[in-house]
């Protein structure tokens, strides 16, 4: 009932991780990241029967942390997944015919609840559920990109993040320039005063070479959405980079 069928997740071949919004004839939809023709990293999959999965994917399978909601039943599972099945620690709330709810907390193996066992206590299961909530929240960001207004908002956030990164880089460049000036001044003092060389021998800041060797945190990713055969472009490079990591 909840396995993402290959026919639903098989998208056009992509050379790298990109965002896609896709709708199928049965009205199932996927909005999230894909790689090599497969759902990958994280996204939101909505089934035609009302079921919904928000969370992490790996090679077309629900894998990692995520939240699954049975739309018709009103039941929900929050926790770990592997091979599109509940595997690991988590919490499942099942709606009963009487109207009440049954809570199963602990370890799950191949969609079956094992219980509160060693390696997955109730506390650990609840922690995994909280982690799944975080993964679901991050996945919903990709779903929001499918709305025109959200695209503009995401682009604005990306521009803001890019501006912040640029300002940080400018500050680092300024500090590096100041260090270089201080090093040159120290070298001049060293040439004229041997006693001052002892004081200059213990630098209190990161060498300029080390700063220059640090990798940049800014990455670019162009997002391309396909919705019912209509292409929409949305640019949110910095936001995408933070979510992929």
C-alpha atoms as a PDB file:
ATOM      1  CA  UNK A   1       0.000   0.000   0.000  1.00  0.00           C
ATOM      2  CA  UNK A   2       2.866   2.344   0.658  1.00  0.00           C
ATOM      3  CA  UNK A   3       5.689   1.108  -1.575  1.00  0.00           C
ATOM      4  CA  UNK A   4       6.641   3.798  -4.129  1.00  0.00           C
ATOM      5  CA  UNK A   5       6.239   2.013  -7.449  1.00  0.00           C
ATOM      6  CA  UNK A   6       9.098   2.270  -9.904  1.00  0.00           C
ATOM      7  CA  UNK A   7       6.674   3.511 -12.563  1.00  0.00           C
ATOM      8  CA  UNK A   8       5.913   6.473 -10.314  1.00  0.00           C
ATOM      9  CA  UNK A   9       9.468   7.389  -9.447  1.00  0.00           C
ATOM     10  CA  UNK A  10      11.165   6.671 -12.743  1.00  0.00           C
ATOM     11  CA  UNK A  11      11.795  10.109 -14.181  1.00  0.00           C
ATOM     12  CA  UNK A  12      13.834  11.301 -17.117  1.00  0.00           C
ATOM     13  CA  UNK A  13      17.529  10.578 -16.697  1.00  0.00           C
ATOM     14  CA  UNK A  14      19.339  13.285 -14.795  1.00  0.00           C
ATOM     15  CA  UNK A  15      23.109  13.649 -14.463  1.00  0.00           C
ATOM     16  CA  UNK A  16      22.945  14.869 -10.865  1.00  0.00           C
ATOM     17  CA  UNK A  17      20.581  15.589  -8.001  1.00  0.00           C
ATOM     18  CA  UNK A  18      17.863  17.990  -9.115  1.00  0.00           C
ATOM     19  CA  UNK A  19      14.438  19.049  -7.964  1.00  0.00           C
ATOM     20  CA  UNK A  20      11.433  17.683  -9.870  1.00  0.00           C
ATOM     21  CA  UNK A  21       7.680  18.099  -9.527  1.00  0.00           C
ATOM     22  CA  UNK A  22       5.800  15.331 -11.333  1.00  0.00           C
ATOM     23  CA  UNK A  23       2.169  14.294 -11.669  1.00  0.00           C
ATOM     24  CA  UNK A  24       1.036  10.914 -13.073  1.00  0.00           C
ATOM     25  CA  UNK A  25      -2.259   9.993 -14.767  1.00  0.00           C
ATOM     26  CA  UNK A  26      -3.587   8.419 -11.540  1.00  0.00           C
ATOM     27  CA  UNK A  27      -2.942  11.794  -9.805  1.00  0.00           C
ATOM     28  CA  UNK A  28      -0.038  10.485  -7.722  1.00  0.00           C
ATOM     29  CA  UNK A  29       2.637  13.151  -7.327  1.00  0.00           C
ATOM     30  CA  UNK A  30       6.255  13.421  -6.285  1.00  0.00           C
ATOM     31  CA  UNK A  31       7.972  16.676  -5.395  1.00  0.00           C
ATOM     32  CA  UNK A  32      11.565  16.441  -4.308  1.00  0.00           C
ATOM     33  CA  UNK A  33      15.034  15.445  -5.414  1.00  0.00           C
ATOM     34  CA  UNK A  34      15.879  12.858  -8.053  1.00  0.00           C
ATOM     35  CA  UNK A  35      19.156  11.418  -9.242  1.00  0.00           C
ATOM     36  CA  UNK A  36      19.869   8.996 -12.075  1.00  0.00           C
ATOM     37  CA  UNK A  37      16.170   8.536 -12.836  1.00  0.00           C
ATOM     38  CA  UNK A  38      15.288   7.736  -9.199  1.00  0.00           C
ATOM     39  CA  UNK A  39      13.791   9.466  -6.182  1.00  0.00           C
ATOM     40  CA  UNK A  40      16.777  10.331  -4.032  1.00  0.00           C
ATOM     41  CA  UNK A  41      17.762  12.247  -0.866  1.00  0.00           C
ATOM     42  CA  UNK A  42      14.327  13.571   0.201  1.00  0.00           C
ATOM     43  CA  UNK A  43      10.934  14.586  -1.050  1.00  0.00           C
ATOM     44  CA  UNK A  44       7.154  14.258  -0.721  1.00  0.00           C
ATOM     45  CA  UNK A  45       5.232  11.431  -2.395  1.00  0.00           C
ATOM     46  CA  UNK A  46       1.427  11.643  -2.452  1.00  0.00           C
ATOM     47  CA  UNK A  47      -0.496   8.578  -3.562  1.00  0.00           C
ATOM     48  CA  UNK A  48      -3.804   8.633  -5.409  1.00  0.00           C
ATOM     49  CA  UNK A  49      -5.491   6.784  -2.505  1.00  0.00           C
ATOM     50  CA  UNK A  50      -4.672   9.625  -0.097  1.00  0.00           C
ATOM     51  CA  UNK A  51      -1.555   8.122   1.518  1.00  0.00           C
ATOM     52  CA  UNK A  52       1.424  10.415   1.882  1.00  0.00           C
ATOM     53  CA  UNK A  53       5.134  10.013   2.627  1.00  0.00           C
ATOM     54  CA  UNK A  54       7.417  12.878   3.622  1.00  0.00           C
ATOM     55  CA  UNK A  55      11.071  12.206   4.243  1.00  0.00           C
ATOM     56  CA  UNK A  56      14.226  10.648   2.938  1.00  0.00           C
ATOM     57  CA  UNK A  57      14.740   8.473  -0.138  1.00  0.00           C
ATOM     58  CA  UNK A  58      17.616   6.369  -1.401  1.00  0.00           C
ATOM     59  CA  UNK A  59      17.688   4.865  -4.889  1.00  0.00           C
ATOM     60  CA  UNK A  60      13.891   4.972  -5.315  1.00  0.00           C
ATOM     61  CA  UNK A  61      13.186   3.558  -1.842  1.00  0.00           C
ATOM     62  CA  UNK A  62      11.935   5.208   1.302  1.00  0.00           C
ATOM     63  CA  UNK A  63      15.106   4.987   3.338  1.00  0.00           C
ATOM     64  CA  UNK A  64      16.328   6.930   6.346  1.00  0.00           C
ATOM     65  CA  UNK A  65      13.896   8.983   8.430  1.00  0.00           C
ATOM     66  CA  UNK A  66      10.405   9.863   7.329  1.00  0.00           C
ATOM     67  CA  UNK A  67       6.716  10.186   8.140  1.00  0.00           C
ATOM     68  CA  UNK A  68       4.013   8.075   6.469  1.00  0.00           C
ATOM     69  CA  UNK A  69       0.320   8.916   6.800  1.00  0.00           C
ATOM     70  CA  UNK A  70      -2.437   6.498   5.811  1.00  0.00           C
ATOM     71  CA  UNK A  71      -4.968   8.975   4.456  1.00  0.00           C
ATOM     72  CA  UNK A  72      -8.085   6.832   4.673  1.00  0.00           C
ATOM     73  CA  UNK A  73      -7.250   5.272   8.035  1.00  0.00           C
ATOM     74  CA  UNK A  74      -5.820   8.296   9.781  1.00  0.00           C
ATOM     75  CA  UNK A  75      -2.864   6.236  11.060  1.00  0.00           C
ATOM     76  CA  UNK A  76       0.711   7.568  11.005  1.00  0.00           C
ATOM     77  CA  UNK A  77       4.238   6.186  11.372  1.00  0.00           C
ATOM     78  CA  UNK A  78       7.210   8.390  12.297  1.00  0.00           C
ATOM     79  CA  UNK A  79      10.635   6.825  12.338  1.00  0.00           C
ATOM     80  CA  UNK A  80      13.258   4.923  10.403  1.00  0.00           C
ATOM     81  CA  UNK A  81      12.844   3.270   6.992  1.00  0.00           C
ATOM     82  CA  UNK A  82      14.799   0.828   4.849  1.00  0.00           C
ATOM     83  CA  UNK A  83      13.819  -0.567   1.452  1.00  0.00           C
ATOM     84  CA  UNK A  84      10.437   1.210   1.640  1.00  0.00           C
ATOM     85  CA  UNK A  85       9.493  -0.640   4.820  1.00  0.00           C
ATOM     86  CA  UNK A  86       9.362   0.364   8.474  1.00  0.00           C
ATOM     87  CA  UNK A  87      12.746  -0.785   9.731  1.00  0.00           C
ATOM     88  CA  UNK A  88      14.407   0.547  12.858  1.00  0.00           C
ATOM     89  CA  UNK A  89      13.177   2.722  15.703  1.00  0.00           C
ATOM     90  CA  UNK A  90       9.937   4.595  15.427  1.00  0.00           C
ATOM     91  CA  UNK A  91       6.426   5.290  16.654  1.00  0.00           C
ATOM     92  CA  UNK A  92       3.249   4.162  14.912  1.00  0.00           C
ATOM     93  CA  UNK A  93      -0.159   5.515  15.889  1.00  0.00           C
ATOM     94  CA  UNK A  94      -2.998   3.366  14.545  1.00  0.00           C
ATOM     95  CA  UNK A  95      -6.605   4.517  14.588  1.00  0.00           C
ATOM     96  CA  UNK A  96      -8.923   1.896  16.027  1.00  0.00           C
ATOM     97  CA  UNK A  97     -12.489   1.107  14.840  1.00  0.00           C
ATOM     98  CA  UNK A  98     -13.749   2.352  18.184  1.00  0.00           C
ATOM     99  CA  UNK A  99     -12.294   5.780  17.435  1.00  0.00           C
ATOM    100  CA  UNK A 100      -9.379   5.457  19.826  1.00  0.00           C
ATOM    101  CA  UNK A 101      -5.694   5.175  18.949  1.00  0.00           C
ATOM    102  CA  UNK A 102      -3.111   2.462  19.548  1.00  0.00           C
ATOM    103  CA  UNK A 103       0.508   3.546  20.049  1.00  0.00           C
ATOM    104  CA  UNK A 104       3.316   1.170  19.084  1.00  0.00           C
ATOM    105  CA  UNK A 105       6.715   2.472  20.204  1.00  0.00           C
ATOM    106  CA  UNK A 106       9.999   0.680  19.697  1.00  0.00           C
ATOM    107  CA  UNK A 107      11.653  -1.372  16.999  1.00  0.00           C
ATOM    108  CA  UNK A 108      10.090  -2.302  13.658  1.00  0.00           C
ATOM    109  CA  UNK A 109      11.336  -5.042  11.340  1.00  0.00           C
ATOM    110  CA  UNK A 110       9.963  -5.308   7.807  1.00  0.00           C
ATOM    111  CA  UNK A 111       6.804  -3.373   8.677  1.00  0.00           C
ATOM    112  CA  UNK A 112       6.190  -5.443  11.833  1.00  0.00           C
ATOM    113  CA  UNK A 113       6.344  -3.989  15.331  1.00  0.00           C
ATOM    114  CA  UNK A 114       8.793  -5.921  17.530  1.00  0.00           C
ATOM    115  CA  UNK A 115       8.391  -3.767  20.617  1.00  0.00           C
ATOM    116  CA  UNK A 116      10.585  -2.151  23.227  1.00  0.00           C
ATOM    117  CA  UNK A 117      13.740  -4.197  22.777  1.00  0.00           C
ATOM    118  CA  UNK A 118      17.436  -3.761  23.394  1.00  0.00           C
ATOM    119  CA  UNK A 119      18.846  -1.164  21.041  1.00  0.00           C
ATOM    120  CA  UNK A 120      15.506   0.587  20.614  1.00  0.00           C
ATOM    121  CA  UNK A 121      13.851   1.625  23.833  1.00  0.00           C
ATOM    122  CA  UNK A 122      10.718   3.745  24.013  1.00  0.00           C
ATOM    123  CA  UNK A 123      12.891   6.825  24.571  1.00  0.00           C
ATOM    124  CA  UNK A 124      14.986   5.995  21.502  1.00  0.00           C
ATOM    125  CA  UNK A 125      11.846   5.358  19.462  1.00  0.00           C
ATOM    126  CA  UNK A 126      10.485   8.774  20.381  1.00  0.00           C
ATOM    127  CA  UNK A 127      13.829  10.364  19.489  1.00  0.00           C
ATOM    128  CA  UNK A 128      13.663   8.650  16.087  1.00  0.00           C
ATOM    129  CA  UNK A 129      10.122   9.967  15.640  1.00  0.00           C
ATOM    130  CA  UNK A 130      11.368  13.497  16.317  1.00  0.00           C
ATOM    131  CA  UNK A 131      14.144  12.987  13.766  1.00  0.00           C
ATOM    132  CA  UNK A 132      11.533  11.817  11.255  1.00  0.00           C
ATOM    133  CA  UNK A 133       9.506  14.972  11.908  1.00  0.00           C
ATOM    134  CA  UNK A 134      12.582  17.044  11.048  1.00  0.00           C
ATOM    135  CA  UNK A 135      13.174  15.083   7.839  1.00  0.00           C
ATOM    136  CA  UNK A 136       9.511  15.520   6.877  1.00  0.00           C
ATOM    137  CA  UNK A 137       9.682  19.249   7.491  1.00  0.00           C
ATOM    138  CA  UNK A 138      12.735  19.538   5.252  1.00  0.00           C
ATOM    139  CA  UNK A 139      11.029  17.457   2.566  1.00  0.00           C
ATOM    140  CA  UNK A 140       7.993  19.742   2.582  1.00  0.00           C
ATOM    141  CA  UNK A 141      10.196  22.627   1.465  1.00  0.00           C
ATOM    142  CA  UNK A 142      10.475  20.932  -1.924  1.00  0.00           C
ATOM    143  CA  UNK A 143       6.703  20.543  -2.073  1.00  0.00           C
ATOM    144  CA  UNK A 144       6.244  24.263  -1.479  1.00  0.00           C
ATOM    145  CA  UNK A 145       8.416  25.000  -4.491  1.00  0.00           C
ATOM    146  CA  UNK A 146       5.567  23.714  -6.636  1.00  0.00           C
ATOM    147  CA  UNK A 147       3.539  26.853  -5.878  1.00  0.00           C
ATOM    148  CA  UNK A 148       4.346  29.998  -7.789  1.00  0.00           C
ATOM    149  CA  UNK A 149       4.331  32.156  -4.682  1.00  0.00           C
ATOM    150  CA  UNK A 150       6.528  29.691  -2.822  1.00  0.00           C
ATOM    151  CA  UNK A 151       8.964  29.663  -5.733  1.00  0.00           C
ATOM    152  CA  UNK A 152       9.415  33.404  -5.403  1.00  0.00           C
ATOM    153  CA  UNK A 153       9.771  33.053  -1.642  1.00  0.00           C
ATOM    154  CA  UNK A 154      12.363  30.285  -2.019  1.00  0.00           C
ATOM    155  CA  UNK A 155      14.241  32.346  -4.583  1.00  0.00           C
ATOM    156  CA  UNK A 156      14.224  35.302  -2.190  1.00  0.00           C
ATOM    157  CA  UNK A 157      15.577  33.087   0.579  1.00  0.00           C
ATOM    158  CA  UNK A 158      18.248  31.811  -1.773  1.00  0.00           C
ATOM    159  CA  UNK A 159      19.246  35.358  -2.696  1.00  0.00           C
ATOM    160  CA  UNK A 160      19.378  36.286   0.979  1.00  0.00           C
ATOM    161  CA  UNK A 161      21.536  33.247   1.749  1.00  0.00           C
ATOM    162  CA  UNK A 162      23.796  34.082  -1.200  1.00  0.00           C
ATOM    163  CA  UNK A 163      24.128  37.675   0.023  1.00  0.00           C
ATOM    164  CA  UNK A 164      25.018  36.414   3.494  1.00  0.00           C
ATOM    165  CA  UNK A 165      27.621  34.057   2.046  1.00  0.00           C
ATOM    166  CA  UNK A 166      29.063  36.880  -0.041  1.00  0.00           C
ATOM    167  CA  UNK A 167      29.257  39.157   3.012  1.00  0.00           C
ATOM    168  CA  UNK A 168      30.956  36.399   5.003  1.00  0.00           C
ATOM    169  CA  UNK A 169      33.464  35.858   2.209  1.00  0.00           C
ATOM    170  CA  UNK A 170      34.147  39.609   2.055  1.00  0.00           C
ATOM    171  CA  UNK A 171      34.771  39.712   5.798  1.00  0.00           C
ATOM    172  CA  UNK A 172      37.130  36.738   5.534  1.00  0.00           C
ATOM    173  CA  UNK A 173      38.973  38.456   2.693  1.00  0.00           C
ATOM    174  CA  UNK A 174      39.274  41.623   4.769  1.00  0.00           C
ATOM    175  CA  UNK A 175      40.624  39.687   7.761  1.00  0.00           C
ATOM    176  CA  UNK A 176      43.079  37.874   5.511  1.00  0.00           C
ATOM    177  CA  UNK A 177      44.271  41.202   4.116  1.00  0.00           C
ATOM    178  CA  UNK A 178      44.720  42.552   7.651  1.00  0.00           C
ATOM    179  CA  UNK A 179      46.748  39.481   8.644  1.00  0.00           C
ATOM    180  CA  UNK A 180      48.950  39.892   5.597  1.00  0.00           C
ATOM    181  CA  UNK A 181      49.542  43.536   6.534  1.00  0.00           C
ATOM    182  CA  UNK A 182      50.383  42.514  10.110  1.00  0.00           C
ATOM    183  CA  UNK A 183      52.767  39.815   8.875  1.00  0.00           C
ATOM    184  CA  UNK A 184      54.561  42.293   6.636  1.00  0.00           C
ATOM    185  CA  UNK A 185      54.815  44.764   9.528  1.00  0.00           C
ATOM    186  CA  UNK A 186      56.177  42.001  11.768  1.00  0.00           C
ATOM    187  CA  UNK A 187      58.738  41.099   9.134  1.00  0.00           C
ATOM    188  CA  UNK A 188      59.913  44.703   8.999  1.00  0.00           C
ATOM    189  CA  UNK A 189      60.228  44.826  12.795  1.00  0.00           C
ATOM    190  CA  UNK A 190      62.079  41.512  12.744  1.00  0.00           C
ATOM    191  CA  UNK A 191      64.623  42.900  10.302  1.00  0.00           C
ATOM    192  CA  UNK A 192      65.358  45.895  12.558  1.00  0.00           C
ATOM    193  CA  UNK A 193      64.906  44.489  16.062  1.00  0.00           C
ATOM    194  CA  UNK A 194      65.932  40.899  17.075  1.00  0.00           C
ATOM    195  CA  UNK A 195      64.117  41.305  20.411  1.00  0.00           C
ATOM    196  CA  UNK A 196      60.828  41.960  18.651  1.00  0.00           C
ATOM    197  CA  UNK A 197      61.243  38.736  16.693  1.00  0.00           C
ATOM    198  CA  UNK A 198      60.631  36.741  19.877  1.00  0.00           C
ATOM    199  CA  UNK A 199      57.247  38.430  20.367  1.00  0.00           C
ATOM    200  CA  UNK A 200      56.300  37.907  16.716  1.00  0.00           C
ATOM    201  CA  UNK A 201      57.131  34.204  16.798  1.00  0.00           C
ATOM    202  CA  UNK A 202      53.730  33.199  18.250  1.00  0.00           C
ATOM    203  CA  UNK A 203      50.902  34.190  15.878  1.00  0.00           C
ATOM    204  CA  UNK A 204      47.453  34.281  17.435  1.00  0.00           C
ATOM    205  CA  UNK A 205      45.380  33.866  14.270  1.00  0.00           C
ATOM    206  CA  UNK A 206      44.815  31.293  11.539  1.00  0.00           C
ATOM    207  CA  UNK A 207      47.463  31.493   8.765  1.00  0.00           C
ATOM    208  CA  UNK A 208      46.243  33.036   5.530  1.00  0.00           C
ATOM    209  CA  UNK A 209      47.157  29.857   3.654  1.00  0.00           C
ATOM    210  CA  UNK A 210      44.834  27.791   5.853  1.00  0.00           C
ATOM    211  CA  UNK A 211      41.986  30.236   5.352  1.00  0.00           C
ATOM    212  CA  UNK A 212      42.432  30.155   1.576  1.00  0.00           C
ATOM    213  CA  UNK A 213      42.418  26.335   1.606  1.00  0.00           C
ATOM    214  CA  UNK A 214      39.012  26.095   3.229  1.00  0.00           C
ATOM    215  CA  UNK A 215      36.295  24.968   0.804  1.00  0.00           C
ATOM    216  CA  UNK A 216      33.518  27.356  -0.136  1.00  0.00           C
ATOM    217  CA  UNK A 217      30.068  26.663   1.308  1.00  0.00           C
ATOM    218  CA  UNK A 218      28.280  28.171  -1.665  1.00  0.00           C
ATOM    219  CA  UNK A 219      27.032  25.728  -4.275  1.00  0.00           C
ATOM    220  CA  UNK A 220      24.727  26.190  -7.239  1.00  0.00           C
ATOM    221  CA  UNK A 221      21.826  23.977  -8.255  1.00  0.00           C
ATOM    222  CA  UNK A 222      19.281  24.814 -10.929  1.00  0.00           C
ATOM    223  CA  UNK A 223      15.828  23.414 -10.211  1.00  0.00           C
ATOM    224  CA  UNK A 224      13.579  22.276 -13.040  1.00  0.00           C
ATOM    225  CA  UNK A 225       9.962  21.284 -12.407  1.00  0.00           C
ATOM    226  CA  UNK A 226       7.701  19.226 -14.654  1.00  0.00           C
ATOM    227  CA  UNK A 227       4.027  19.459 -13.731  1.00  0.00           C
ATOM    228  CA  UNK A 228       1.521  17.857 -16.105  1.00  0.00           C
ATOM    229  CA  UNK A 229       3.815  18.353 -19.073  1.00  0.00           C
ATOM    230  CA  UNK A 230       4.417  22.037 -18.307  1.00  0.00           C
ATOM    231  CA  UNK A 231       7.951  23.092 -17.400  1.00  0.00           C
ATOM    232  CA  UNK A 232       8.563  25.612 -14.643  1.00  0.00           C
ATOM    233  CA  UNK A 233      11.947  26.908 -13.569  1.00  0.00           C
ATOM    234  CA  UNK A 234      12.788  27.819  -9.989  1.00  0.00           C
ATOM    235  CA  UNK A 235      16.164  28.989  -8.752  1.00  0.00           C
ATOM    236  CA  UNK A 236      17.028  28.456  -5.070  1.00  0.00           C
ATOM    237  CA  UNK A 237      20.691  27.451  -5.133  1.00  0.00           C
ATOM    238  CA  UNK A 238      21.795  28.200  -1.601  1.00  0.00           C
ATOM    239  CA  UNK A 239      18.598  26.811  -0.035  1.00  0.00           C
ATOM    240  CA  UNK A 240      18.874  23.596  -2.091  1.00  0.00           C
ATOM    241  CA  UNK A 241      22.501  23.137  -1.052  1.00  0.00           C
ATOM    242  CA  UNK A 242      21.637  23.360   2.632  1.00  0.00           C
ATOM    243  CA  UNK A 243      18.791  20.861   2.270  1.00  0.00           C
ATOM    244  CA  UNK A 244      20.793  18.310   0.287  1.00  0.00           C
ATOM    245  CA  UNK A 245      23.582  18.174   2.840  1.00  0.00           C
END
